[in-house]
Amino acid sequence: MIKKRSVVRQSLPDVIVADLRQRILSGDLAEGELIRQELLAEEYDVSRMPIREALKRLDAEGLVVFTNNRGATVTKHSLEEIAEIFDVRMMLEVDLFTRAIPLMQDEHFEQCEALLKEMEFSYQSGDVAAWGPLNARFHGALYAASDRKLTSQLLERASLQSNRYVSMHIDQLKKSESAHQDHSQLLQLARQRQVEAAAEQLRAHIENTKLQVLEHIAVFRGE
């Protein structure tokens, strides 16, 4: 009985982290919003201990700024920081993609195709919050054959941050169709082993997304 309760306690922060992360990515918890530990503990009907651990983990992901004895604030990046996040993504992703293309097998292409269908369905069904994580998974699947674990770990954090802003604004941007076309073209070029053309397409895709997101956020914030 004690062992069973221990397992539940250890899994509780995972559940809370996943839920809070989704709320941040969907914009339900707005950038700059204060998150108080005692209110979260009441909301989730738990003690402050798993709340504190969850907030620390989200702080490590860069989604919140955690403050002892107060809680956390949802991270609000400057426009310059958001641009830098996309630039880091571009640098890492182009390197991974060019290494992956010569090594991609049928299973890699099939996984990418399946994720593209999920992304299209999530947007059409109105589940905009799911689009960002699916977008990250699609890009990850494109690069999986490179087997560059350290680079992929570095990319994971940048992708989480950038897809947060894409998820927050994809509905207003009305760019899901062009994004789908870009992704389909990336996959086609990879199938054809056109490494240079695929790399250039990926650079253009990330750059265009960055500019669209920055423009929209600037208007949204009134900057």
N, C-alpha and C. Protein backbone atom coordinates (compact mmCIF):
# COMPACT_ATOMS: atom_id res chain seq x y z
N MET A 1 0.83 -1.20 0.00
CA MET A 1 0.00 0.00 0.00
C MET A 1 0.87 1.26 0.00
N ILE A 2 1.92 1.28 0.82
CA ILE A 2 2.82 2.43 0.87
C ILE A 2 3.50 2.62 -0.47
N LYS A 3 3.93 1.49 -1.07
CA LYS A 3 4.61 1.59 -2.36
C LYS A 3 3.70 2.18 -3.41
N LYS A 4 2.42 1.78 -3.39
CA LYS A 4 1.47 2.28 -4.37
C LYS A 4 1.29 3.78 -4.25
N ARG A 5 1.16 4.28 -3.02
CA ARG A 5 0.99 5.71 -2.80
C ARG A 5 2.24 6.48 -3.22
N SER A 6 3.42 5.89 -3.04
CA SER A 6 4.66 6.53 -3.42
C SER A 6 4.73 6.73 -4.93
N VAL A 7 4.29 5.71 -5.67
CA VAL A 7 4.31 5.80 -7.13
C VAL A 7 3.38 6.92 -7.60
N VAL A 8 2.22 7.04 -6.96
CA VAL A 8 1.27 8.09 -7.33
C VAL A 8 1.89 9.46 -7.09
N ARG A 9 2.55 9.63 -5.95
CA ARG A 9 3.17 10.91 -5.64
C ARG A 9 4.24 11.26 -6.65
N GLN A 10 5.03 10.30 -7.05
CA GLN A 10 6.10 10.56 -8.01
C GLN A 10 5.55 10.93 -9.38
N SER A 11 4.39 10.40 -9.72
CA SER A 11 3.82 10.69 -11.04
C SER A 11 3.03 11.98 -11.05
N LEU A 12 2.65 12.48 -9.88
CA LEU A 12 1.81 13.66 -9.81
C LEU A 12 2.44 14.89 -10.46
N PRO A 13 3.72 15.21 -10.18
CA PRO A 13 4.31 16.36 -10.87
C PRO A 13 4.32 16.22 -12.39
N ASP A 14 4.46 14.98 -12.89
CA ASP A 14 4.42 14.76 -14.34
C ASP A 14 3.08 15.18 -14.92
N VAL A 15 2.02 14.80 -14.21
CA VAL A 15 0.67 15.14 -14.66
C VAL A 15 0.46 16.65 -14.65
N ILE A 16 0.91 17.29 -13.57
CA ILE A 16 0.73 18.73 -13.43
C ILE A 16 1.58 19.48 -14.45
N VAL A 17 2.82 19.04 -14.65
CA VAL A 17 3.68 19.66 -15.66
C VAL A 17 3.03 19.59 -17.04
N ALA A 18 2.53 18.41 -17.40
CA ALA A 18 1.92 18.23 -18.73
C ALA A 18 0.72 19.14 -18.91
N ASP A 19 -0.11 19.26 -17.86
CA ASP A 19 -1.30 20.09 -17.96
C ASP A 19 -0.94 21.58 -18.03
N LEU A 20 -0.02 22.01 -17.16
CA LEU A 20 0.39 23.42 -17.19
C LEU A 20 1.09 23.77 -18.50
N ARG A 21 1.91 22.85 -18.99
CA ARG A 21 2.59 23.10 -20.26
C ARG A 21 1.57 23.30 -21.38
N GLN A 22 0.56 22.45 -21.40
CA GLN A 22 -0.48 22.57 -22.43
C GLN A 22 -1.24 23.89 -22.29
N ARG A 23 -1.49 24.32 -21.06
CA ARG A 23 -2.20 25.58 -20.84
C ARG A 23 -1.36 26.78 -21.29
N ILE A 24 -0.06 26.68 -21.11
CA ILE A 24 0.83 27.76 -21.57
C ILE A 24 0.91 27.76 -23.10
N LEU A 25 1.09 26.57 -23.69
CA LEU A 25 1.22 26.48 -25.14
C LEU A 25 -0.05 26.92 -25.85
N SER A 26 -1.20 26.69 -25.23
CA SER A 26 -2.47 27.06 -25.86
C SER A 26 -2.82 28.54 -25.63
N GLY A 27 -2.07 29.20 -24.72
CA GLY A 27 -2.37 30.59 -24.41
C GLY A 27 -3.40 30.75 -23.31
N ASP A 28 -3.87 29.64 -22.73
CA ASP A 28 -4.81 29.71 -21.62
C ASP A 28 -4.16 30.43 -20.43
N LEU A 29 -2.87 30.19 -20.23
CA LEU A 29 -2.07 30.97 -19.29
C LEU A 29 -1.23 31.93 -20.12
N ALA A 30 -1.53 33.20 -20.04
CA ALA A 30 -0.93 34.19 -20.92
C ALA A 30 0.48 34.55 -20.50
N GLU A 31 1.29 35.00 -21.47
CA GLU A 31 2.65 35.41 -21.16
C GLU A 31 2.62 36.56 -20.16
N GLY A 32 3.52 36.45 -19.16
CA GLY A 32 3.58 37.45 -18.11
C GLY A 32 2.63 37.21 -16.96
N GLU A 33 1.73 36.21 -17.08
CA GLU A 33 0.74 35.96 -16.03
C GLU A 33 1.39 35.33 -14.81
N LEU A 34 1.00 35.81 -13.63
CA LEU A 34 1.52 35.27 -12.37
C LEU A 34 0.78 33.98 -12.03
N ILE A 35 1.55 32.94 -11.68
CA ILE A 35 0.99 31.65 -11.26
C ILE A 35 1.38 31.43 -9.81
N ARG A 36 0.42 31.45 -8.91
CA ARG A 36 0.71 31.33 -7.49
C ARG A 36 0.58 29.87 -7.05
N GLN A 37 1.54 29.43 -6.25
CA GLN A 37 1.59 28.03 -5.82
C GLN A 37 0.33 27.63 -5.06
N GLU A 38 -0.12 28.50 -4.13
CA GLU A 38 -1.25 28.12 -3.29
C GLU A 38 -2.54 27.98 -4.11
N LEU A 39 -2.69 28.82 -5.12
CA LEU A 39 -3.89 28.74 -5.97
C LEU A 39 -3.85 27.49 -6.84
N LEU A 40 -2.66 27.16 -7.35
CA LEU A 40 -2.54 25.94 -8.15
C LEU A 40 -2.79 24.71 -7.29
N ALA A 41 -2.27 24.72 -6.06
CA ALA A 41 -2.47 23.58 -5.16
C ALA A 41 -3.96 23.37 -4.90
N GLU A 42 -4.68 24.46 -4.74
CA GLU A 42 -6.13 24.36 -4.54
C GLU A 42 -6.83 23.88 -5.81
N GLU A 43 -6.39 24.40 -6.93
CA GLU A 43 -7.01 24.04 -8.21
C GLU A 43 -6.83 22.56 -8.53
N TYR A 44 -5.61 22.04 -8.29
CA TYR A 44 -5.33 20.63 -8.59
C TYR A 44 -5.62 19.71 -7.40
N ASP A 45 -6.02 20.32 -6.26
CA ASP A 45 -6.34 19.56 -5.06
C ASP A 45 -5.16 18.70 -4.60
N VAL A 46 -3.99 19.34 -4.50
CA VAL A 46 -2.76 18.67 -4.06
C VAL A 46 -2.03 19.60 -3.09
N SER A 47 -0.96 19.08 -2.47
CA SER A 47 -0.13 19.92 -1.63
C SER A 47 0.74 20.82 -2.51
N ARG A 48 1.49 21.71 -1.88
CA ARG A 48 2.35 22.62 -2.66
C ARG A 48 3.59 21.92 -3.20
N MET A 49 3.96 20.78 -2.62
CA MET A 49 5.20 20.12 -3.02
C MET A 49 5.22 19.73 -4.51
N PRO A 50 4.21 19.00 -5.03
CA PRO A 50 4.23 18.67 -6.46
C PRO A 50 4.09 19.91 -7.35
N ILE A 51 3.39 20.93 -6.86
CA ILE A 51 3.26 22.18 -7.60
C ILE A 51 4.63 22.84 -7.74
N ARG A 52 5.35 22.89 -6.64
CA ARG A 52 6.68 23.50 -6.64
C ARG A 52 7.62 22.78 -7.60
N GLU A 53 7.57 21.43 -7.56
CA GLU A 53 8.43 20.65 -8.46
C GLU A 53 8.05 20.88 -9.92
N ALA A 54 6.74 20.92 -10.19
CA ALA A 54 6.27 21.14 -11.56
C ALA A 54 6.72 22.50 -12.09
N LEU A 55 6.62 23.52 -11.27
CA LEU A 55 7.02 24.86 -11.69
C LEU A 55 8.52 24.95 -11.94
N LYS A 56 9.30 24.24 -11.10
CA LYS A 56 10.75 24.22 -11.31
C LYS A 56 11.10 23.57 -12.64
N ARG A 57 10.38 22.53 -12.98
CA ARG A 57 10.65 21.84 -14.25
C ARG A 57 10.24 22.70 -15.44
N LEU A 58 9.14 23.41 -15.31
CA LEU A 58 8.73 24.32 -16.39
C LEU A 58 9.70 25.49 -16.50
N ASP A 59 10.29 25.89 -15.38
CA ASP A 59 11.32 26.93 -15.40
C ASP A 59 12.53 26.44 -16.19
N ALA A 60 12.91 25.17 -15.97
CA ALA A 60 14.05 24.59 -16.70
C ALA A 60 13.77 24.52 -18.19
N GLU A 61 12.49 24.38 -18.57
CA GLU A 61 12.11 24.36 -19.98
C GLU A 61 12.02 25.76 -20.58
N GLY A 62 12.05 26.77 -19.71
CA GLY A 62 11.97 28.15 -20.19
C GLY A 62 10.55 28.66 -20.37
N LEU A 63 9.56 27.88 -19.92
CA LEU A 63 8.17 28.30 -20.09
C LEU A 63 7.69 29.22 -18.97
N VAL A 64 8.31 29.11 -17.79
CA VAL A 64 7.98 30.01 -16.69
C VAL A 64 9.27 30.48 -16.04
N VAL A 65 9.14 31.55 -15.26
CA VAL A 65 10.24 32.04 -14.42
C VAL A 65 9.81 31.78 -12.98
N PHE A 66 10.48 30.83 -12.31
CA PHE A 66 10.08 30.40 -10.98
C PHE A 66 10.74 31.26 -9.91
N THR A 67 9.96 31.65 -8.89
CA THR A 67 10.48 32.44 -7.77
C THR A 67 10.12 31.75 -6.47
N ASN A 68 11.11 31.50 -5.62
CA ASN A 68 10.87 30.84 -4.35
C ASN A 68 9.82 31.57 -3.52
N ASN A 69 8.92 30.78 -2.92
CA ASN A 69 7.90 31.28 -1.99
C ASN A 69 6.83 32.16 -2.64
N ARG A 70 6.88 32.31 -3.94
CA ARG A 70 5.87 33.12 -4.62
C ARG A 70 5.12 32.31 -5.66
N GLY A 71 5.82 31.61 -6.49
CA GLY A 71 5.20 30.88 -7.58
C GLY A 71 6.02 31.10 -8.83
N ALA A 72 5.35 31.44 -9.89
CA ALA A 72 6.06 31.61 -11.16
C ALA A 72 5.30 32.57 -12.04
N THR A 73 6.01 33.08 -13.03
CA THR A 73 5.41 33.95 -14.04
C THR A 73 5.62 33.30 -15.40
N VAL A 74 4.57 33.27 -16.20
CA VAL A 74 4.70 32.71 -17.55
C VAL A 74 5.70 33.57 -18.32
N THR A 75 6.69 32.93 -18.89
CA THR A 75 7.76 33.64 -19.58
C THR A 75 7.22 34.52 -20.71
N LYS A 76 7.71 35.74 -20.74
CA LYS A 76 7.39 36.65 -21.84
C LYS A 76 8.70 37.08 -22.49
N HIS A 77 8.95 36.58 -23.68
CA HIS A 77 10.17 36.93 -24.38
C HIS A 77 10.00 38.24 -25.13
N SER A 78 11.09 38.98 -25.26
CA SER A 78 11.08 40.16 -26.12
C SER A 78 11.05 39.70 -27.57
N LEU A 79 10.73 40.62 -28.47
CA LEU A 79 10.72 40.28 -29.89
C LEU A 79 12.10 39.83 -30.35
N GLU A 80 13.14 40.46 -29.80
CA GLU A 80 14.51 40.07 -30.16
C GLU A 80 14.81 38.65 -29.70
N GLU A 81 14.32 38.28 -28.52
CA GLU A 81 14.53 36.92 -28.01
C GLU A 81 13.76 35.91 -28.84
N ILE A 82 12.56 36.26 -29.24
CA ILE A 82 11.78 35.34 -30.08
C ILE A 82 12.48 35.12 -31.41
N ALA A 83 13.00 36.20 -32.00
CA ALA A 83 13.75 36.07 -33.25
C ALA A 83 14.96 35.16 -33.07
N GLU A 84 15.64 35.31 -31.94
CA GLU A 84 16.82 34.49 -31.67
C GLU A 84 16.45 33.01 -31.54
N ILE A 85 15.31 32.74 -30.91
CA ILE A 85 14.84 31.36 -30.77
C ILE A 85 14.69 30.72 -32.15
N PHE A 86 14.07 31.44 -33.08
CA PHE A 86 13.88 30.90 -34.43
C PHE A 86 15.22 30.76 -35.16
N ASP A 87 16.14 31.69 -34.92
CA ASP A 87 17.46 31.61 -35.56
C ASP A 87 18.23 30.38 -35.07
N VAL A 88 18.11 30.10 -33.77
CA VAL A 88 18.76 28.90 -33.22
C VAL A 88 18.14 27.65 -33.84
N ARG A 89 16.82 27.65 -33.94
CA ARG A 89 16.15 26.52 -34.59
C ARG A 89 16.67 26.31 -36.00
N MET A 90 16.78 27.38 -36.75
CA MET A 90 17.23 27.27 -38.14
C MET A 90 18.62 26.65 -38.23
N MET A 91 19.52 27.13 -37.41
CA MET A 91 20.89 26.65 -37.43
C MET A 91 20.95 25.15 -37.13
N LEU A 92 20.24 24.74 -36.08
CA LEU A 92 20.29 23.34 -35.66
C LEU A 92 19.53 22.43 -36.63
N GLU A 93 18.37 22.88 -37.09
CA GLU A 93 17.53 22.03 -37.93
C GLU A 93 18.13 21.80 -39.32
N VAL A 94 18.70 22.84 -39.90
CA VAL A 94 19.31 22.67 -41.22
C VAL A 94 20.46 21.67 -41.16
N ASP A 95 21.25 21.76 -40.10
CA ASP A 95 22.35 20.82 -39.93
C ASP A 95 21.83 19.39 -39.79
N LEU A 96 20.81 19.20 -38.95
CA LEU A 96 20.25 17.86 -38.75
C LEU A 96 19.62 17.32 -40.02
N PHE A 97 18.89 18.17 -40.74
CA PHE A 97 18.18 17.74 -41.94
C PHE A 97 19.16 17.29 -43.03
N THR A 98 20.21 18.07 -43.24
CA THR A 98 21.18 17.71 -44.28
C THR A 98 21.90 16.40 -43.94
N ARG A 99 22.09 16.13 -42.67
CA ARG A 99 22.71 14.87 -42.26
C ARG A 99 21.73 13.70 -42.36
N ALA A 100 20.45 14.00 -42.12
CA ALA A 100 19.45 12.93 -42.07
C ALA A 100 19.04 12.42 -43.45
N ILE A 101 18.91 13.32 -44.43
CA ILE A 101 18.33 12.95 -45.72
C ILE A 101 18.99 11.73 -46.36
N PRO A 102 20.33 11.65 -46.44
CA PRO A 102 20.93 10.46 -47.08
C PRO A 102 20.67 9.16 -46.32
N LEU A 103 20.26 9.27 -45.05
CA LEU A 103 20.10 8.09 -44.20
C LEU A 103 18.64 7.70 -43.98
N MET A 104 17.70 8.51 -44.48
CA MET A 104 16.28 8.24 -44.24
C MET A 104 15.81 6.98 -44.95
N GLN A 105 15.00 6.21 -44.24
CA GLN A 105 14.43 4.98 -44.76
C GLN A 105 12.91 5.10 -44.85
N ASP A 106 12.27 4.05 -45.37
CA ASP A 106 10.82 4.08 -45.56
C ASP A 106 10.08 4.41 -44.27
N GLU A 107 10.55 3.85 -43.13
CA GLU A 107 9.84 4.09 -41.88
C GLU A 107 9.87 5.56 -41.47
N HIS A 108 10.95 6.26 -41.81
CA HIS A 108 11.03 7.69 -41.51
C HIS A 108 10.01 8.48 -42.33
N PHE A 109 9.93 8.14 -43.62
CA PHE A 109 8.99 8.84 -44.51
C PHE A 109 7.54 8.56 -44.09
N GLU A 110 7.26 7.31 -43.70
CA GLU A 110 5.91 6.94 -43.30
C GLU A 110 5.49 7.67 -42.02
N GLN A 111 6.43 7.79 -41.08
CA GLN A 111 6.12 8.51 -39.84
C GLN A 111 5.84 9.98 -40.12
N CYS A 112 6.62 10.58 -41.00
CA CYS A 112 6.40 11.99 -41.36
C CYS A 112 5.04 12.17 -42.02
N GLU A 113 4.66 11.26 -42.91
CA GLU A 113 3.36 11.34 -43.57
C GLU A 113 2.23 11.24 -42.55
N ALA A 114 2.36 10.34 -41.59
CA ALA A 114 1.33 10.17 -40.57
C ALA A 114 1.18 11.43 -39.72
N LEU A 115 2.30 12.05 -39.37
CA LEU A 115 2.26 13.27 -38.56
C LEU A 115 1.66 14.44 -39.33
N LEU A 116 1.93 14.51 -40.63
CA LEU A 116 1.31 15.56 -41.45
C LEU A 116 -0.20 15.44 -41.43
N LYS A 117 -0.70 14.22 -41.49
CA LYS A 117 -2.15 14.01 -41.45
C LYS A 117 -2.71 14.40 -40.09
N GLU A 118 -2.00 14.08 -39.02
CA GLU A 118 -2.44 14.47 -37.68
C GLU A 118 -2.49 15.98 -37.54
N MET A 119 -1.47 16.66 -38.07
CA MET A 119 -1.43 18.12 -37.99
C MET A 119 -2.61 18.74 -38.71
N GLU A 120 -2.90 18.23 -39.90
CA GLU A 120 -4.01 18.76 -40.68
C GLU A 120 -5.33 18.54 -39.95
N PHE A 121 -5.48 17.35 -39.37
CA PHE A 121 -6.72 17.04 -38.64
C PHE A 121 -6.87 17.92 -37.40
N SER A 122 -5.76 18.15 -36.67
CA SER A 122 -5.82 18.94 -35.44
C SER A 122 -6.29 20.36 -35.74
N TYR A 123 -5.82 20.92 -36.84
CA TYR A 123 -6.21 22.28 -37.18
C TYR A 123 -7.66 22.33 -37.66
N GLN A 124 -8.02 21.39 -38.52
CA GLN A 124 -9.38 21.38 -39.06
C GLN A 124 -10.42 21.11 -37.98
N SER A 125 -10.04 20.35 -36.94
CA SER A 125 -10.97 20.03 -35.86
C SER A 125 -11.00 21.12 -34.79
N GLY A 126 -10.16 22.15 -34.96
CA GLY A 126 -10.15 23.25 -34.00
C GLY A 126 -9.25 23.05 -32.80
N ASP A 127 -8.48 21.95 -32.80
CA ASP A 127 -7.56 21.68 -31.70
C ASP A 127 -6.22 22.35 -31.99
N VAL A 128 -6.22 23.68 -31.96
CA VAL A 128 -5.03 24.44 -32.35
C VAL A 128 -3.86 24.19 -31.41
N ALA A 129 -4.15 23.95 -30.12
CA ALA A 129 -3.08 23.74 -29.15
C ALA A 129 -2.26 22.49 -29.47
N ALA A 130 -2.88 21.52 -30.14
CA ALA A 130 -2.15 20.28 -30.48
C ALA A 130 -1.23 20.48 -31.66
N TRP A 131 -1.45 21.54 -32.43
CA TRP A 131 -0.69 21.73 -33.67
C TRP A 131 0.79 21.96 -33.39
N GLY A 132 1.12 22.77 -32.40
CA GLY A 132 2.52 23.07 -32.10
C GLY A 132 3.33 21.85 -31.74
N PRO A 133 2.87 21.03 -30.75
CA PRO A 133 3.60 19.81 -30.44
C PRO A 133 3.71 18.85 -31.62
N LEU A 134 2.65 18.75 -32.44
CA LEU A 134 2.72 17.90 -33.63
C LEU A 134 3.73 18.43 -34.63
N ASN A 135 3.80 19.76 -34.74
CA ASN A 135 4.77 20.39 -35.62
C ASN A 135 6.19 20.03 -35.18
N ALA A 136 6.43 20.08 -33.87
CA ALA A 136 7.75 19.71 -33.35
C ALA A 136 8.06 18.25 -33.61
N ARG A 137 7.06 17.39 -33.45
CA ARG A 137 7.26 15.96 -33.72
C ARG A 137 7.54 15.70 -35.19
N PHE A 138 6.86 16.44 -36.08
CA PHE A 138 7.11 16.27 -37.51
C PHE A 138 8.54 16.64 -37.86
N HIS A 139 8.98 17.80 -37.38
CA HIS A 139 10.35 18.22 -37.66
C HIS A 139 11.35 17.23 -37.05
N GLY A 140 11.03 16.72 -35.86
CA GLY A 140 11.90 15.73 -35.24
C GLY A 140 11.99 14.46 -36.06
N ALA A 141 10.86 14.05 -36.63
CA ALA A 141 10.85 12.85 -37.47
C ALA A 141 11.67 13.05 -38.74
N LEU A 142 11.66 14.28 -39.26
CA LEU A 142 12.47 14.57 -40.45
C LEU A 142 13.96 14.37 -40.18
N TYR A 143 14.37 14.63 -38.94
CA TYR A 143 15.80 14.62 -38.63
C TYR A 143 16.25 13.37 -37.87
N ALA A 144 15.31 12.48 -37.55
CA ALA A 144 15.62 11.34 -36.68
C ALA A 144 16.76 10.48 -37.23
N ALA A 145 16.83 10.32 -38.55
CA ALA A 145 17.84 9.44 -39.14
C ALA A 145 19.25 9.96 -38.92
N SER A 146 19.40 11.24 -38.61
CA SER A 146 20.74 11.79 -38.38
C SER A 146 21.37 11.19 -37.13
N ASP A 147 20.53 10.78 -36.17
CA ASP A 147 20.98 10.16 -34.92
C ASP A 147 21.98 11.05 -34.18
N ARG A 148 21.71 12.35 -34.17
CA ARG A 148 22.56 13.32 -33.47
C ARG A 148 21.86 13.69 -32.17
N LYS A 149 22.11 12.94 -31.14
CA LYS A 149 21.34 13.07 -29.90
C LYS A 149 21.56 14.41 -29.19
N LEU A 150 22.80 14.86 -29.11
CA LEU A 150 23.08 16.10 -28.40
C LEU A 150 22.44 17.29 -29.12
N THR A 151 22.60 17.35 -30.44
CA THR A 151 21.99 18.43 -31.21
C THR A 151 20.47 18.39 -31.08
N SER A 152 19.90 17.19 -31.09
CA SER A 152 18.45 17.04 -30.96
C SER A 152 17.96 17.52 -29.61
N GLN A 153 18.74 17.28 -28.56
CA GLN A 153 18.37 17.76 -27.23
C GLN A 153 18.40 19.28 -27.16
N LEU A 154 19.40 19.88 -27.80
CA LEU A 154 19.47 21.34 -27.84
C LEU A 154 18.29 21.92 -28.60
N LEU A 155 17.92 21.23 -29.69
CA LEU A 155 16.81 21.69 -30.51
C LEU A 155 15.47 21.58 -29.78
N GLU A 156 15.35 20.59 -28.92
CA GLU A 156 14.08 20.34 -28.24
C GLU A 156 13.59 21.56 -27.48
N ARG A 157 14.49 22.21 -26.76
CA ARG A 157 14.09 23.39 -25.98
C ARG A 157 13.73 24.55 -26.89
N ALA A 158 14.54 24.79 -27.92
CA ALA A 158 14.23 25.88 -28.85
C ALA A 158 12.90 25.65 -29.55
N SER A 159 12.63 24.40 -29.91
CA SER A 159 11.37 24.07 -30.58
C SER A 159 10.18 24.29 -29.66
N LEU A 160 10.35 23.91 -28.39
CA LEU A 160 9.27 24.11 -27.43
C LEU A 160 8.91 25.58 -27.33
N GLN A 161 9.92 26.44 -27.29
CA GLN A 161 9.68 27.87 -27.19
C GLN A 161 9.06 28.44 -28.46
N SER A 162 9.62 28.09 -29.62
CA SER A 162 9.10 28.65 -30.87
C SER A 162 7.70 28.15 -31.16
N ASN A 163 7.46 26.86 -30.93
CA ASN A 163 6.13 26.31 -31.21
C ASN A 163 5.08 26.85 -30.24
N ARG A 164 5.54 27.32 -29.08
CA ARG A 164 4.61 27.99 -28.17
C ARG A 164 4.02 29.22 -28.85
N TYR A 165 4.86 30.01 -29.49
CA TYR A 165 4.37 31.23 -30.13
C TYR A 165 3.59 30.91 -31.41
N VAL A 166 4.01 29.88 -32.12
CA VAL A 166 3.26 29.47 -33.31
C VAL A 166 1.88 28.98 -32.89
N SER A 167 1.83 28.16 -31.82
CA SER A 167 0.54 27.63 -31.35
C SER A 167 -0.39 28.76 -30.90
N MET A 168 0.18 29.77 -30.24
CA MET A 168 -0.62 30.87 -29.73
C MET A 168 -1.26 31.68 -30.86
N HIS A 169 -0.62 31.70 -32.02
CA HIS A 169 -1.05 32.63 -33.06
C HIS A 169 -1.40 31.98 -34.40
N ILE A 170 -1.32 30.64 -34.49
CA ILE A 170 -1.55 29.97 -35.77
C ILE A 170 -2.95 30.23 -36.30
N ASP A 171 -3.93 30.30 -35.39
CA ASP A 171 -5.30 30.51 -35.82
C ASP A 171 -5.47 31.91 -36.42
N GLN A 172 -4.82 32.91 -35.78
CA GLN A 172 -4.92 34.28 -36.29
C GLN A 172 -4.09 34.47 -37.56
N LEU A 173 -2.99 33.74 -37.65
CA LEU A 173 -2.12 33.89 -38.82
C LEU A 173 -2.74 33.33 -40.09
N LYS A 174 -3.64 32.36 -39.92
CA LYS A 174 -4.29 31.73 -41.07
C LYS A 174 -3.26 31.18 -42.06
N LYS A 175 -2.22 30.56 -41.52
CA LYS A 175 -1.13 30.06 -42.37
C LYS A 175 -1.02 28.54 -42.34
N SER A 176 -2.03 27.86 -41.84
CA SER A 176 -1.92 26.40 -41.73
C SER A 176 -1.78 25.74 -43.09
N GLU A 177 -2.49 26.29 -44.10
CA GLU A 177 -2.42 25.69 -45.44
C GLU A 177 -1.03 25.84 -46.05
N SER A 178 -0.45 27.05 -45.93
CA SER A 178 0.90 27.25 -46.49
C SER A 178 1.93 26.45 -45.71
N ALA A 179 1.73 26.32 -44.39
CA ALA A 179 2.64 25.50 -43.57
C ALA A 179 2.57 24.05 -44.01
N HIS A 180 1.35 23.57 -44.27
CA HIS A 180 1.19 22.18 -44.74
C HIS A 180 1.89 21.98 -46.08
N GLN A 181 1.78 22.95 -46.97
CA GLN A 181 2.46 22.85 -48.26
C GLN A 181 3.97 22.83 -48.09
N ASP A 182 4.49 23.69 -47.20
CA ASP A 182 5.92 23.71 -46.93
C ASP A 182 6.40 22.36 -46.40
N HIS A 183 5.66 21.82 -45.44
CA HIS A 183 6.05 20.54 -44.85
C HIS A 183 6.02 19.42 -45.88
N SER A 184 4.99 19.43 -46.72
CA SER A 184 4.89 18.40 -47.76
C SER A 184 6.05 18.50 -48.74
N GLN A 185 6.44 19.73 -49.06
CA GLN A 185 7.56 19.92 -49.98
C GLN A 185 8.88 19.47 -49.35
N LEU A 186 9.06 19.75 -48.07
CA LEU A 186 10.26 19.30 -47.37
C LEU A 186 10.37 17.78 -47.43
N LEU A 187 9.25 17.11 -47.19
CA LEU A 187 9.25 15.65 -47.22
C LEU A 187 9.52 15.12 -48.62
N GLN A 188 8.95 15.78 -49.63
CA GLN A 188 9.17 15.36 -51.01
C GLN A 188 10.65 15.51 -51.41
N LEU A 189 11.25 16.63 -51.06
CA LEU A 189 12.66 16.85 -51.38
C LEU A 189 13.55 15.84 -50.65
N ALA A 190 13.17 15.49 -49.44
CA ALA A 190 13.93 14.47 -48.71
C ALA A 190 13.82 13.11 -49.40
N ARG A 191 12.63 12.77 -49.85
CA ARG A 191 12.45 11.51 -50.58
C ARG A 191 13.32 11.47 -51.84
N GLN A 192 13.45 12.62 -52.48
CA GLN A 192 14.23 12.70 -53.72
C GLN A 192 15.73 12.86 -53.46
N ARG A 193 16.11 12.91 -52.18
CA ARG A 193 17.51 13.07 -51.75
C ARG A 193 18.14 14.37 -52.27
N GLN A 194 17.30 15.39 -52.42
CA GLN A 194 17.81 16.69 -52.87
C GLN A 194 18.23 17.50 -51.63
N VAL A 195 19.42 17.24 -51.16
CA VAL A 195 19.87 17.78 -49.88
C VAL A 195 19.93 19.30 -49.89
N GLU A 196 20.57 19.89 -50.89
CA GLU A 196 20.73 21.35 -50.91
C GLU A 196 19.39 22.07 -51.05
N ALA A 197 18.55 21.56 -51.95
CA ALA A 197 17.24 22.18 -52.15
C ALA A 197 16.39 22.06 -50.88
N ALA A 198 16.48 20.91 -50.21
CA ALA A 198 15.73 20.71 -48.97
C ALA A 198 16.21 21.65 -47.87
N ALA A 199 17.52 21.84 -47.78
CA ALA A 199 18.08 22.74 -46.78
C ALA A 199 17.61 24.18 -47.01
N GLU A 200 17.61 24.61 -48.27
CA GLU A 200 17.16 25.96 -48.59
C GLU A 200 15.68 26.14 -48.32
N GLN A 201 14.90 25.10 -48.63
CA GLN A 201 13.47 25.16 -48.35
C GLN A 201 13.21 25.25 -46.85
N LEU A 202 13.98 24.52 -46.07
CA LEU A 202 13.82 24.55 -44.62
C LEU A 202 14.19 25.92 -44.06
N ARG A 203 15.30 26.50 -44.55
CA ARG A 203 15.68 27.84 -44.11
C ARG A 203 14.56 28.84 -44.39
N ALA A 204 14.03 28.79 -45.60
CA ALA A 204 12.97 29.72 -46.00
C ALA A 204 11.72 29.50 -45.15
N HIS A 205 11.40 28.25 -44.86
CA HIS A 205 10.21 27.92 -44.07
C HIS A 205 10.32 28.51 -42.66
N ILE A 206 11.45 28.31 -42.01
CA ILE A 206 11.62 28.81 -40.65
C ILE A 206 11.71 30.33 -40.63
N GLU A 207 12.40 30.91 -41.61
CA GLU A 207 12.52 32.37 -41.68
C GLU A 207 11.16 33.02 -41.89
N ASN A 208 10.35 32.47 -42.80
CA ASN A 208 9.03 33.03 -43.06
C ASN A 208 8.14 32.91 -41.83
N THR A 209 8.21 31.77 -41.16
CA THR A 209 7.43 31.59 -39.94
C THR A 209 7.85 32.61 -38.88
N LYS A 210 9.14 32.80 -38.73
CA LYS A 210 9.66 33.77 -37.76
C LYS A 210 9.11 35.17 -38.04
N LEU A 211 9.19 35.61 -39.28
CA LEU A 211 8.75 36.96 -39.63
C LEU A 211 7.24 37.13 -39.41
N GLN A 212 6.47 36.10 -39.77
CA GLN A 212 5.03 36.17 -39.58
C GLN A 212 4.66 36.24 -38.10
N VAL A 213 5.32 35.40 -37.30
CA VAL A 213 5.04 35.38 -35.86
C VAL A 213 5.44 36.70 -35.22
N LEU A 214 6.62 37.21 -35.56
CA LEU A 214 7.08 38.48 -34.98
C LEU A 214 6.14 39.63 -35.33
N GLU A 215 5.72 39.67 -36.58
CA GLU A 215 4.81 40.74 -37.01
C GLU A 215 3.49 40.67 -36.24
N HIS A 216 2.96 39.46 -36.10
CA HIS A 216 1.68 39.32 -35.42
C HIS A 216 1.80 39.64 -33.93
N ILE A 217 2.88 39.18 -33.28
CA ILE A 217 3.05 39.44 -31.86
C ILE A 217 3.25 40.93 -31.61
N ALA A 218 3.99 41.60 -32.49
CA ALA A 218 4.19 43.03 -32.33
C ALA A 218 2.86 43.78 -32.37
N VAL A 219 1.99 43.40 -33.29
CA VAL A 219 0.66 44.01 -33.38
C VAL A 219 -0.18 43.66 -32.15
N PHE A 220 -0.11 42.39 -31.75
CA PHE A 220 -0.88 41.90 -30.61
C PHE A 220 -0.50 42.63 -29.33
N ARG A 221 0.80 42.89 -29.16
CA ARG A 221 1.29 43.58 -27.96
C ARG A 221 1.21 45.09 -28.08
N GLY A 222 0.98 45.58 -29.30
CA GLY A 222 0.96 47.01 -29.52
C GLY A 222 2.35 47.62 -29.51
N GLU A 223 3.35 46.84 -29.95
CA GLU A 223 4.73 47.34 -29.94
C GLU A 223 5.11 47.89 -31.32
